[in-house]
Amino acid sequence: MTLDKLETGNSAVITAVGGEGALRCRLLDMGLIPRTKVMVRKVAPLGDPIELFLRGYELTIRLEDAQKIEIEAITEKE
């Protein structure tokens, strides 16, 4: 599943970061690296952009970029 499909308030772990060239490097530089826990905090009224919480800070990214990030949802027991 990709990050753009994660609902507000839910958490997941990043499994892979797609994209090419500068975009992929920028996503990795912002802390969106594999095995990082991420939570969707807010979604803009029209659905783009989305606000994430990861590594102790908030990050807002475009929906198009979120589609390039593969995640695995975290169940409530974890």
PDB file of N, CA and C in Angstrom:
ATOM      1  N   MET A   1       0.851  -1.174   0.000  1.00  0.00           N
ATOM      2  CA  MET A   1       0.000   0.000   0.000  1.00  0.00           C
ATOM      3  C   MET A   1       0.898   1.238   0.000  1.00  0.00           C
ATOM      4  N   THR A   2       0.391   2.335  -0.487  1.00  0.00           N
ATOM      5  CA  THR A   2       1.194   3.561  -0.538  1.00  0.00           C
ATOM      6  C   THR A   2       0.701   4.564   0.506  1.00  0.00           C
ATOM      7  N   LEU A   3       1.546   5.520   0.832  1.00  0.00           N
ATOM      8  CA  LEU A   3       1.284   6.486   1.892  1.00  0.00           C
ATOM      9  C   LEU A   3       0.033   7.324   1.633  1.00  0.00           C
ATOM     10  N   ASP A   4      -0.298   7.579   0.389  1.00  0.00           N
ATOM     11  CA  ASP A   4      -1.479   8.387   0.089  1.00  0.00           C
ATOM     12  C   ASP A   4      -2.780   7.680   0.473  1.00  0.00           C
ATOM     13  N   LYS A   5      -2.751   6.374   0.679  1.00  0.00           N
ATOM     14  CA  LYS A   5      -3.940   5.588   1.037  1.00  0.00           C
ATOM     15  C   LYS A   5      -4.164   5.513   2.552  1.00  0.00           C
ATOM     16  N   LEU A   6      -3.182   5.924   3.348  1.00  0.00           N
ATOM     17  CA  LEU A   6      -3.284   5.857   4.808  1.00  0.00           C
ATOM     18  C   LEU A   6      -4.250   6.922   5.309  1.00  0.00           C
ATOM     19  N   GLU A   7      -5.178   6.522   6.168  1.00  0.00           N
ATOM     20  CA  GLU A   7      -6.194   7.440   6.669  1.00  0.00           C
ATOM     21  C   GLU A   7      -5.657   8.285   7.823  1.00  0.00           C
ATOM     22  N   THR A   8      -6.286   9.431   8.038  1.00  0.00           N
ATOM     23  CA  THR A   8      -5.903  10.360   9.097  1.00  0.00           C
ATOM     24  C   THR A   8      -5.932   9.667  10.456  1.00  0.00           C
ATOM     25  N   GLY A   9      -4.871   9.859  11.234  1.00  0.00           N
ATOM     26  CA  GLY A   9      -4.777   9.272  12.563  1.00  0.00           C
ATOM     27  C   GLY A   9      -4.142   7.894  12.599  1.00  0.00           C
ATOM     28  N   ASN A  10      -3.970   7.257  11.458  1.00  0.00           N
ATOM     29  CA  ASN A  10      -3.376   5.921  11.407  1.00  0.00           C
ATOM     30  C   ASN A  10      -1.865   6.006  11.203  1.00  0.00           C
ATOM     31  N   SER A  11      -1.177   4.978  11.665  1.00  0.00           N
ATOM     32  CA  SER A  11       0.277   4.908  11.543  1.00  0.00           C
ATOM     33  C   SER A  11       0.696   3.756  10.650  1.00  0.00           C
ATOM     34  N   ALA A  12       1.904   3.861  10.125  1.00  0.00           N
ATOM     35  CA  ALA A  12       2.470   2.821   9.273  1.00  0.00           C
ATOM     36  C   ALA A  12       3.985   2.905   9.334  1.00  0.00           C
ATOM     37  N   VAL A  13       4.624   1.887   8.780  1.00  0.00           N
ATOM     38  CA  VAL A  13       6.081   1.859   8.667  1.00  0.00           C
ATOM     39  C   VAL A  13       6.426   1.896   7.188  1.00  0.00           C
ATOM     40  N   ILE A  14       7.355   2.765   6.838  1.00  0.00           N
ATOM     41  CA  ILE A  14       7.789   2.882   5.441  1.00  0.00           C
ATOM     42  C   ILE A  14       8.601   1.651   5.074  1.00  0.00           C
ATOM     43  N   THR A  15       8.258   1.037   3.936  1.00  0.00           N
ATOM     44  CA  THR A  15       8.990  -0.146   3.485  1.00  0.00           C
ATOM     45  C   THR A  15       9.896   0.163   2.294  1.00  0.00           C
ATOM     46  N   ALA A  16       9.511   1.134   1.459  1.00  0.00           N
ATOM     47  CA  ALA A  16      10.318   1.487   0.294  1.00  0.00           C
ATOM     48  C   ALA A  16       9.974   2.898  -0.162  1.00  0.00           C
ATOM     49  N   VAL A  17      10.970   3.575  -0.710  1.00  0.00           N
ATOM     50  CA  VAL A  17      10.775   4.924  -1.250  1.00  0.00           C
ATOM     51  C   VAL A  17      11.082   4.884  -2.735  1.00  0.00           C
ATOM     52  N   GLY A  18      10.091   5.217  -3.537  1.00  0.00           N
ATOM     53  CA  GLY A  18      10.250   5.212  -4.989  1.00  0.00           C
ATOM     54  C   GLY A  18      10.651   6.580  -5.497  1.00  0.00           C
ATOM     55  N   GLY A  19      10.371   6.816  -6.755  1.00  0.00           N
ATOM     56  CA  GLY A  19      10.772   8.073  -7.372  1.00  0.00           C
ATOM     57  C   GLY A  19      12.133   7.924  -8.009  1.00  0.00           C
ATOM     58  N   GLU A  20      12.513   8.957  -8.722  1.00  0.00           N
ATOM     59  CA  GLU A  20      13.812   8.920  -9.398  1.00  0.00           C
ATOM     60  C   GLU A  20      14.589  10.196  -9.152  1.00  0.00           C
ATOM     61  N   GLY A  21      15.894  10.059  -9.167  1.00  0.00           N
ATOM     62  CA  GLY A  21      16.788  11.206  -9.124  1.00  0.00           C
ATOM     63  C   GLY A  21      16.598  12.109  -7.921  1.00  0.00           C
ATOM     64  N   ALA A  22      16.447  13.405  -8.203  1.00  0.00           N
ATOM     65  CA  ALA A  22      16.389  14.429  -7.167  1.00  0.00           C
ATOM     66  C   ALA A  22      15.186  14.256  -6.253  1.00  0.00           C
ATOM     67  N   LEU A  23      14.063  13.809  -6.796  1.00  0.00           N
ATOM     68  CA  LEU A  23      12.869  13.618  -5.967  1.00  0.00           C
ATOM     69  C   LEU A  23      13.119  12.563  -4.902  1.00  0.00           C
ATOM     70  N   ARG A  24      13.678  11.440  -5.291  1.00  0.00           N
ATOM     71  CA  ARG A  24      13.946  10.367  -4.324  1.00  0.00           C
ATOM     72  C   ARG A  24      14.939  10.831  -3.258  1.00  0.00           C
ATOM     73  N   CYS A  25      15.979  11.528  -3.670  1.00  0.00           N
ATOM     74  CA  CYS A  25      16.966  12.044  -2.717  1.00  0.00           C
ATOM     75  C   CYS A  25      16.325  13.020  -1.737  1.00  0.00           C
ATOM     76  N   ARG A  26      15.437  13.866  -2.239  1.00  0.00           N
ATOM     77  CA  ARG A  26      14.782  14.836  -1.380  1.00  0.00           C
ATOM     78  C   ARG A  26      13.888  14.139  -0.352  1.00  0.00           C
ATOM     79  N   LEU A  27      13.129  13.131  -0.784  1.00  0.00           N
ATOM     80  CA  LEU A  27      12.281  12.389   0.149  1.00  0.00           C
ATOM     81  C   LEU A  27      13.122  11.728   1.238  1.00  0.00           C
ATOM     82  N   LEU A  28      14.227  11.121   0.850  1.00  0.00           N
ATOM     83  CA  LEU A  28      15.115  10.486   1.823  1.00  0.00           C
ATOM     84  C   LEU A  28      15.725  11.519   2.767  1.00  0.00           C
ATOM     85  N   ASP A  29      16.122  12.669   2.246  1.00  0.00           N
ATOM     86  CA  ASP A  29      16.705  13.736   3.073  1.00  0.00           C
ATOM     87  C   ASP A  29      15.706  14.272   4.096  1.00  0.00           C
ATOM     88  N   MET A  30      14.412  14.236   3.773  1.00  0.00           N
ATOM     89  CA  MET A  30      13.380  14.717   4.695  1.00  0.00           C
ATOM     90  C   MET A  30      13.067  13.698   5.784  1.00  0.00           C
ATOM     91  N   GLY A  31      13.717  12.545   5.756  1.00  0.00           N
ATOM     92  CA  GLY A  31      13.529  11.541   6.791  1.00  0.00           C
ATOM     93  C   GLY A  31      12.585  10.415   6.411  1.00  0.00           C
ATOM     94  N   LEU A  32      12.108  10.398   5.189  1.00  0.00           N
ATOM     95  CA  LEU A  32      11.200   9.344   4.725  1.00  0.00           C
ATOM     96  C   LEU A  32      12.028   8.159   4.228  1.00  0.00           C
ATOM     97  N   ILE A  33      12.599   7.432   5.177  1.00  0.00           N
ATOM     98  CA  ILE A  33      13.454   6.306   4.820  1.00  0.00           C
ATOM     99  C   ILE A  33      12.819   5.006   5.322  1.00  0.00           C
ATOM    100  N   PRO A  34      13.173   3.882   4.720  1.00  0.00           N
ATOM    101  CA  PRO A  34      12.600   2.601   5.150  1.00  0.00           C
ATOM    102  C   PRO A  34      12.775   2.351   6.648  1.00  0.00           C
ATOM    103  N   ARG A  35      11.794   1.657   7.231  1.00  0.00           N
ATOM    104  CA  ARG A  35      11.709   1.309   8.657  1.00  0.00           C
ATOM    105  C   ARG A  35      11.392   2.504   9.556  1.00  0.00           C
ATOM    106  N   THR A  36      10.951   3.628   8.982  1.00  0.00           N
ATOM    107  CA  THR A  36      10.553   4.790   9.770  1.00  0.00           C
ATOM    108  C   THR A  36       9.041   4.752  10.004  1.00  0.00           C
ATOM    109  N   LYS A  37       8.635   4.978  11.255  1.00  0.00           N
ATOM    110  CA  LYS A  37       7.207   5.017  11.582  1.00  0.00           C
ATOM    111  C   LYS A  37       6.677   6.402  11.200  1.00  0.00           C
ATOM    112  N   VAL A  38       5.526   6.427  10.549  1.00  0.00           N
ATOM    113  CA  VAL A  38       4.924   7.673  10.094  1.00  0.00           C
ATOM    114  C   VAL A  38       3.423   7.643  10.395  1.00  0.00           C
ATOM    115  N   MET A  39       2.883   8.821  10.761  1.00  0.00           N
ATOM    116  CA  MET A  39       1.453   8.926  11.033  1.00  0.00           C
ATOM    117  C   MET A  39       0.881  10.098  10.232  1.00  0.00           C
ATOM    118  N   VAL A  40      -0.304   9.902   9.658  1.00  0.00           N
ATOM    119  CA  VAL A  40      -0.972  10.985   8.939  1.00  0.00           C
ATOM    120  C   VAL A  40      -1.719  11.814   9.976  1.00  0.00           C
ATOM    121  N   ARG A  41      -1.355  13.099  10.093  1.00  0.00           N
ATOM    122  CA  ARG A  41      -2.003  13.972  11.073  1.00  0.00           C
ATOM    123  C   ARG A  41      -3.191  14.710  10.489  1.00  0.00           C
ATOM    124  N   LYS A  42      -3.018  15.275   9.292  1.00  0.00           N
ATOM    125  CA  LYS A  42      -4.082  16.070   8.679  1.00  0.00           C
ATOM    126  C   LYS A  42      -4.056  15.876   7.171  1.00  0.00           C
ATOM    127  N   VAL A  43      -5.214  16.111   6.572  1.00  0.00           N
ATOM    128  CA  VAL A  43      -5.326  16.118   5.114  1.00  0.00           C
ATOM    129  C   VAL A  43      -6.026  17.417   4.751  1.00  0.00           C
ATOM    130  N   ALA A  44      -5.506  18.125   3.762  1.00  0.00           N
ATOM    131  CA  ALA A  44      -6.114  19.378   3.322  1.00  0.00           C
ATOM    132  C   ALA A  44      -7.541  19.122   2.836  1.00  0.00           C
ATOM    133  N   PRO A  45      -8.398  20.135   2.872  1.00  0.00           N
ATOM    134  CA  PRO A  45      -9.807  19.949   2.470  1.00  0.00           C
ATOM    135  C   PRO A  45     -10.005  19.304   1.100  1.00  0.00           C
ATOM    136  N   LEU A  46      -9.155  19.599   0.157  1.00  0.00           N
ATOM    137  CA  LEU A  46      -9.280  19.002  -1.172  1.00  0.00           C
ATOM    138  C   LEU A  46      -8.423  17.746  -1.341  1.00  0.00           C
ATOM    139  N   GLY A  47      -7.786  17.299  -0.235  1.00  0.00           N
ATOM    140  CA  GLY A  47      -7.023  16.060  -0.265  1.00  0.00           C
ATOM    141  C   GLY A  47      -5.544  16.207  -0.571  1.00  0.00           C
ATOM    142  N   ASP A  48      -5.092  17.397  -0.876  1.00  0.00           N
ATOM    143  CA  ASP A  48      -3.683  17.600  -1.224  1.00  0.00           C
ATOM    144  C   ASP A  48      -3.246  18.957  -0.718  1.00  0.00           C
ATOM    145  N   PRO A  49      -2.238  19.070   0.115  1.00  0.00           N
ATOM    146  CA  PRO A  49      -1.256  18.087   0.584  1.00  0.00           C
ATOM    147  C   PRO A  49      -1.717  17.359   1.848  1.00  0.00           C
ATOM    148  N   ILE A  50      -0.829  16.483   2.351  1.00  0.00           N
ATOM    149  CA  ILE A  50      -1.098  15.780   3.605  1.00  0.00           C
ATOM    150  C   ILE A  50       0.011  16.101   4.599  1.00  0.00           C
ATOM    151  N   GLU A  51      -0.366  16.167   5.872  1.00  0.00           N
ATOM    152  CA  GLU A  51       0.601  16.455   6.929  1.00  0.00           C
ATOM    153  C   GLU A  51       0.936  15.168   7.659  1.00  0.00           C
ATOM    154  N   LEU A  52       2.215  14.898   7.789  1.00  0.00           N
ATOM    155  CA  LEU A  52       2.701  13.674   8.428  1.00  0.00           C
ATOM    156  C   LEU A  52       3.415  14.009   9.720  1.00  0.00           C
ATOM    157  N   PHE A  53       3.482  13.040  10.628  1.00  0.00           N
ATOM    158  CA  PHE A  53       4.295  13.166  11.832  1.00  0.00           C
ATOM    159  C   PHE A  53       5.262  11.997  11.838  1.00  0.00           C
ATOM    160  N   LEU A  54       6.547  12.309  11.831  1.00  0.00           N
ATOM    161  CA  LEU A  54       7.578  11.279  11.857  1.00  0.00           C
ATOM    162  C   LEU A  54       8.834  11.816  12.512  1.00  0.00           C
ATOM    163  N   ARG A  55       9.558  10.965  13.196  1.00  0.00           N
ATOM    164  CA  ARG A  55      10.832  11.319  13.822  1.00  0.00           C
ATOM    165  C   ARG A  55      10.749  12.572  14.694  1.00  0.00           C
ATOM    166  N   GLY A  56       9.572  12.828  15.307  1.00  0.00           N
ATOM    167  CA  GLY A  56       9.422  13.958  16.210  1.00  0.00           C
ATOM    168  C   GLY A  56       9.120  15.291  15.558  1.00  0.00           C
ATOM    169  N   TYR A  57       8.842  15.312  14.276  1.00  0.00           N
ATOM    170  CA  TYR A  57       8.487  16.575  13.617  1.00  0.00           C
ATOM    171  C   TYR A  57       7.368  16.361  12.610  1.00  0.00           C
ATOM    172  N   GLU A  58       6.774  17.480  12.195  1.00  0.00           N
ATOM    173  CA  GLU A  58       5.689  17.446  11.224  1.00  0.00           C
ATOM    174  C   GLU A  58       6.229  17.784   9.847  1.00  0.00           C
ATOM    175  N   LEU A  59       5.717  17.083   8.848  1.00  0.00           N
ATOM    176  CA  LEU A  59       6.162  17.257   7.472  1.00  0.00           C
ATOM    177  C   LEU A  59       4.943  17.249   6.565  1.00  0.00           C
ATOM    178  N   THR A  60       4.858  18.199   5.664  1.00  0.00           N
ATOM    179  CA  THR A  60       3.755  18.254   4.712  1.00  0.00           C
ATOM    180  C   THR A  60       4.294  17.923   3.329  1.00  0.00           C
ATOM    181  N   ILE A  61       3.659  16.951   2.664  1.00  0.00           N
ATOM    182  CA  ILE A  61       4.082  16.562   1.320  1.00  0.00           C
ATOM    183  C   ILE A  61       2.884  16.500   0.382  1.00  0.00           C
ATOM    184  N   ARG A  62       3.180  16.594  -0.887  1.00  0.00           N
ATOM    185  CA  ARG A  62       2.132  16.506  -1.906  1.00  0.00           C
ATOM    186  C   ARG A  62       1.644  15.070  -2.017  1.00  0.00           C
ATOM    187  N   LEU A  63       0.389  14.938  -2.404  1.00  0.00           N
ATOM    188  CA  LEU A  63      -0.205  13.619  -2.586  1.00  0.00           C
ATOM    189  C   LEU A  63       0.547  12.827  -3.659  1.00  0.00           C
ATOM    190  N   GLU A  64       0.986  13.509  -4.693  1.00  0.00           N
ATOM    191  CA  GLU A  64       1.742  12.872  -5.777  1.00  0.00           C
ATOM    192  C   GLU A  64       3.029  12.233  -5.253  1.00  0.00           C
ATOM    193  N   ASP A  65       3.685  12.903  -4.312  1.00  0.00           N
ATOM    194  CA  ASP A  65       4.912  12.352  -3.728  1.00  0.00           C
ATOM    195  C   ASP A  65       4.602  11.203  -2.772  1.00  0.00           C
ATOM    196  N   ALA A  66       3.480  11.300  -2.052  1.00  0.00           N
ATOM    197  CA  ALA A  66       3.078  10.243  -1.123  1.00  0.00           C
ATOM    198  C   ALA A  66       2.785   8.937  -1.865  1.00  0.00           C
ATOM    199  N   GLN A  67       2.378   9.037  -3.123  1.00  0.00           N
ATOM    200  CA  GLN A  67       2.085   7.843  -3.918  1.00  0.00           C
ATOM    201  C   GLN A  67       3.341   7.044  -4.239  1.00  0.00           C
ATOM    202  N   LYS A  68       4.494   7.617  -4.069  1.00  0.00           N
ATOM    203  CA  LYS A  68       5.759   6.949  -4.365  1.00  0.00           C
ATOM    204  C   LYS A  68       6.356   6.245  -3.151  1.00  0.00           C
ATOM    205  N   ILE A  69       5.687   6.351  -1.996  1.00  0.00           N
ATOM    206  CA  ILE A  69       6.214   5.789  -0.755  1.00  0.00           C
ATOM    207  C   ILE A  69       5.385   4.574  -0.356  1.00  0.00           C
ATOM    208  N   GLU A  70       6.024   3.412  -0.345  1.00  0.00           N
ATOM    209  CA  GLU A  70       5.373   2.158   0.033  1.00  0.00           C
ATOM    210  C   GLU A  70       5.389   2.020   1.550  1.00  0.00           C
ATOM    211  N   ILE A  71       4.260   1.586   2.118  1.00  0.00           N
ATOM    212  CA  ILE A  71       4.152   1.436   3.566  1.00  0.00           C
ATOM    213  C   ILE A  71       3.507   0.110   3.934  1.00  0.00           C
ATOM    214  N   GLU A  72       3.641  -0.229   5.217  1.00  0.00           N
ATOM    215  CA  GLU A  72       2.955  -1.371   5.797  1.00  0.00           C
ATOM    216  C   GLU A  72       2.227  -0.847   7.019  1.00  0.00           C
ATOM    217  N   ALA A  73       0.911  -0.955   7.036  1.00  0.00           N
ATOM    218  CA  ALA A  73       0.109  -0.425   8.145  1.00  0.00           C
ATOM    219  C   ALA A  73       0.465  -1.129   9.450  1.00  0.00           C
ATOM    220  N   ILE A  74       0.367  -0.386  10.540  1.00  0.00           N
ATOM    221  CA  ILE A  74       0.626  -0.928  11.869  1.00  0.00           C
ATOM    222  C   ILE A  74      -0.706  -1.290  12.497  1.00  0.00           C
ATOM    223  N   THR A  75      -0.809  -2.513  12.999  1.00  0.00           N
ATOM    224  CA  THR A  75      -2.034  -2.925  13.669  1.00  0.00           C
ATOM    225  C   THR A  75      -2.077  -2.341  15.077  1.00  0.00           C
ATOM    226  N   GLU A  76      -3.233  -2.334  15.693  1.00  0.00           N
ATOM    227  CA  GLU A  76      -3.401  -1.739  17.016  1.00  0.00           C
ATOM    228  C   GLU A  76      -2.559  -2.427  18.097  1.00  0.00           C
ATOM    229  N   LYS A  77      -2.281  -3.711  17.942  1.00  0.00           N
ATOM    230  CA  LYS A  77      -1.509  -4.449  18.940  1.00  0.00           C
ATOM    231  C   LYS A  77      -0.048  -4.053  18.972  1.00  0.00           C
ATOM    232  N   GLU A  78       0.452  -3.527  17.859  1.00  0.00           N
ATOM    233  CA  GLU A  78       1.866  -3.172  17.777  1.00  0.00           C
ATOM    234  C   GLU A  78       2.058  -1.894  18.493  1.00  0.00           C
TER     235      GLU A  78
END
